[in-house]
Amino acid sequence: MNALRKCALLCFCLLLAAGCSATSSGSADKSVAVKAEASANPQASGKQSSAVKAALDKTAQDLVSRASRTVVPNKAKPTVRKQGKQYVATYVDVDMNSIHTGMRAGQTKTTPYIGIIEYIENTYECKGATSAAARAYTDCQAVKTRNMKELIRYDGRKWQF
């Protein structure tokens, strides 16, 4: 009985390995087909990709402005803590001028493009003698910068995130 289980396990592993290699070569064939289709008609592809890039830029502005509105703690509701004899108010702000976008070819026909949106989140600390003074935002310094990268996909009509 033990030998039968070992044989079944070995057969399962071999079938699994054969299935994985067939799947990966199939997706490579699709990728080559998408790239060949794009290179067959470069003018139409160039016009389409510039329109897709413009849509990506607009989507990036929408996505980053949404992130700016929903980030926590924000300037309207900072986190306040006591540090020694002072109070420190901490909040995060998204730098809307730091948006950079890029795109590359996707791997399948259903995802012809992958979009990359990069922006910066800055963490600020404001100090004061009281909690209200810290929230007055008079003595603020950027203490941390975080580079954010979002990956989104194009489904043929619009960018999905």
Protein backbone atom coordinates (compact mmCIF):
# COMPACT_ATOMS: atom_id res chain seq x y z
CA MET A 1 0.00 0.00 0.00
CA ASN A 2 2.86 2.36 0.83
CA ALA A 3 4.49 1.74 -2.58
CA LEU A 4 1.19 2.56 -4.29
CA ARG A 5 1.00 5.94 -2.51
CA LYS A 6 4.58 6.75 -3.48
CA CYS A 7 3.86 5.89 -7.12
CA ALA A 8 0.70 8.05 -7.10
CA LEU A 9 2.60 10.96 -5.57
CA LEU A 10 5.37 10.65 -8.16
CA CYS A 11 2.83 10.60 -11.02
CA PHE A 12 1.09 13.66 -9.58
CA CYS A 13 4.37 15.58 -9.37
CA LEU A 14 5.27 14.67 -12.95
CA LEU A 15 1.86 15.76 -14.24
CA LEU A 16 2.10 19.01 -12.29
CA ALA A 17 5.54 19.78 -13.69
CA ALA A 18 4.41 19.01 -17.25
CA GLY A 19 1.35 21.25 -16.83
CA CYS A 20 3.43 24.17 -15.52
CA SER A 21 5.85 24.06 -18.42
CA ALA A 22 2.99 23.92 -20.94
CA THR A 23 1.30 26.91 -19.30
CA SER A 24 4.40 29.09 -19.27
CA SER A 25 5.23 28.42 -22.92
CA GLY A 26 1.60 29.21 -23.86
CA SER A 27 1.76 32.66 -22.28
CA ALA A 28 5.07 33.32 -24.04
CA ASP A 29 3.40 32.52 -27.36
CA LYS A 30 0.62 35.04 -26.59
CA SER A 31 3.19 37.69 -25.68
CA VAL A 32 5.03 37.14 -28.96
CA ALA A 33 1.71 37.35 -30.85
CA VAL A 34 0.80 40.69 -29.21
CA LYS A 35 4.24 42.15 -29.98
CA ALA A 36 4.11 40.86 -33.57
CA GLU A 37 0.67 42.42 -34.02
CA ALA A 38 1.98 45.78 -32.78
CA SER A 39 5.02 45.68 -35.05
CA ALA A 40 2.94 44.71 -38.11
CA ASN A 41 1.18 48.10 -38.16
CA PRO A 42 3.50 50.59 -36.40
CA GLN A 43 1.62 53.78 -37.38
CA ALA A 44 -1.71 52.58 -36.02
CA SER A 45 0.05 51.20 -32.96
CA GLY A 46 1.83 54.53 -32.36
CA LYS A 47 -1.38 56.54 -32.58
CA GLN A 48 -3.16 54.12 -30.30
CA SER A 49 -0.33 54.04 -27.77
CA SER A 50 -0.18 57.84 -27.59
CA ALA A 51 -3.93 57.93 -26.88
CA VAL A 52 -3.48 55.20 -24.28
CA LYS A 53 -0.58 57.16 -22.71
CA ALA A 54 -2.76 60.28 -22.52
CA ALA A 55 -5.48 58.24 -20.82
CA LEU A 56 -2.86 56.86 -18.42
CA ASP A 57 -1.77 60.40 -17.49
CA LYS A 58 -5.37 61.40 -16.75
CA THR A 59 -5.97 58.22 -14.76
CA ALA A 60 -2.76 58.86 -12.82
CA GLN A 61 -3.98 62.34 -11.82
CA ASP A 62 -7.30 60.83 -10.66
CA LEU A 63 -5.64 58.00 -8.74
CA VAL A 64 -3.09 60.22 -6.98
CA SER A 65 -5.68 62.86 -6.09
CA ARG A 66 -7.82 60.08 -4.61
CA ALA A 67 -4.80 58.89 -2.62
CA SER A 68 -4.21 62.47 -1.45
CA ARG A 69 -7.79 62.78 -0.20
CA THR A 70 -7.86 59.42 1.59
CA VAL A 71 -4.38 59.24 3.15
CA VAL A 72 -4.37 58.93 6.94
CA PRO A 73 -3.23 60.77 9.04
CA ASN A 74 -3.79 63.86 6.93
CA LYS A 75 -3.46 67.56 7.56
CA ALA A 76 -7.09 67.87 8.66
CA LYS A 77 -6.74 65.02 11.19
CA PRO A 78 -3.11 64.65 12.27
CA THR A 79 -1.82 62.25 14.87
CA VAL A 80 -0.70 64.17 17.95
CA ARG A 81 1.66 62.70 20.54
CA LYS A 82 3.62 64.08 23.46
CA GLN A 83 7.39 63.95 23.06
CA GLY A 84 9.24 65.20 26.10
CA LYS A 85 7.84 68.64 26.94
CA GLN A 86 6.51 69.27 23.42
CA TYR A 87 3.62 67.98 21.37
CA VAL A 88 4.22 66.63 17.87
CA ALA A 89 1.51 66.54 15.19
CA THR A 90 2.25 64.10 12.36
CA TYR A 91 0.51 63.96 8.98
CA VAL A 92 1.09 62.62 5.48
CA ASP A 93 0.79 64.70 2.32
CA VAL A 94 0.90 63.48 -1.29
CA ASP A 95 3.07 65.57 -3.62
CA MET A 96 0.84 66.12 -6.68
CA ASN A 97 3.79 67.57 -8.66
CA SER A 98 5.81 64.37 -8.37
CA ILE A 99 3.62 62.17 -10.60
CA HIS A 100 5.48 60.17 -13.25
CA THR A 101 3.88 57.62 -15.54
CA GLY A 102 5.18 54.91 -17.79
CA MET A 103 3.75 52.01 -19.69
CA ARG A 104 4.92 48.80 -21.26
CA ALA A 105 3.43 46.05 -23.38
CA GLY A 106 1.27 43.55 -21.53
CA GLN A 107 1.53 39.80 -21.73
CA THR A 108 -1.90 38.95 -23.17
CA LYS A 109 -4.45 40.27 -25.63
CA THR A 110 -6.83 41.09 -22.79
CA THR A 111 -4.10 43.21 -21.15
CA PRO A 112 -2.26 44.95 -23.99
CA TYR A 113 -0.60 47.52 -21.68
CA ILE A 114 0.63 47.74 -18.10
CA GLY A 115 0.79 51.20 -16.53
CA ILE A 116 3.24 52.38 -13.87
CA ILE A 117 2.32 55.39 -11.76
CA GLU A 118 4.94 56.82 -9.41
CA TYR A 119 4.49 59.59 -6.86
CA ILE A 120 5.87 60.75 -3.51
CA GLU A 121 4.25 60.79 -0.06
CA ASN A 122 5.85 63.12 2.48
CA THR A 123 5.44 62.74 6.24
CA TYR A 124 5.54 65.99 8.20
CA GLU A 125 5.97 66.66 11.91
CA CYS A 126 4.87 69.91 13.50
CA LYS A 127 5.98 70.81 17.03
CA GLY A 128 4.39 73.02 19.64
CA ALA A 129 4.16 73.58 23.38
CA THR A 130 0.52 72.42 23.38
CA SER A 131 -1.53 70.11 21.24
CA ALA A 132 -3.30 73.10 19.67
CA ALA A 133 0.03 74.78 18.91
CA ALA A 134 1.28 71.64 17.19
CA ARG A 135 -1.87 71.56 15.07
CA ALA A 136 -1.32 75.20 14.04
CA TYR A 137 1.32 73.97 11.54
CA THR A 138 3.82 76.76 12.20
CA ASP A 139 6.95 74.70 12.98
CA CYS A 140 6.69 71.83 10.45
CA GLN A 141 9.43 69.75 8.85
CA ALA A 142 9.38 66.89 6.37
CA VAL A 143 10.78 63.90 8.25
CA LYS A 144 10.15 61.06 5.82
CA THR A 145 9.70 60.64 2.08
CA ARG A 146 8.12 57.54 0.64
CA ASN A 147 8.25 56.70 -3.07
CA MET A 148 5.00 55.04 -4.13
CA LYS A 149 4.56 52.90 -7.22
CA GLU A 150 1.17 51.73 -8.48
CA LEU A 151 0.73 49.17 -11.24
CA ILE A 152 -2.47 49.25 -13.26
CA ARG A 153 -3.64 47.49 -16.40
CA TYR A 154 -5.30 48.60 -19.61
CA ASP A 155 -8.15 46.32 -20.68
CA GLY A 156 -8.45 47.63 -24.23
CA ARG A 157 -10.89 50.44 -23.38
CA LYS A 158 -9.78 52.04 -20.12
CA TRP A 159 -7.24 51.79 -17.32
CA GLN A 160 -8.29 49.50 -14.44
CA PHE A 161 -7.03 50.00 -10.89
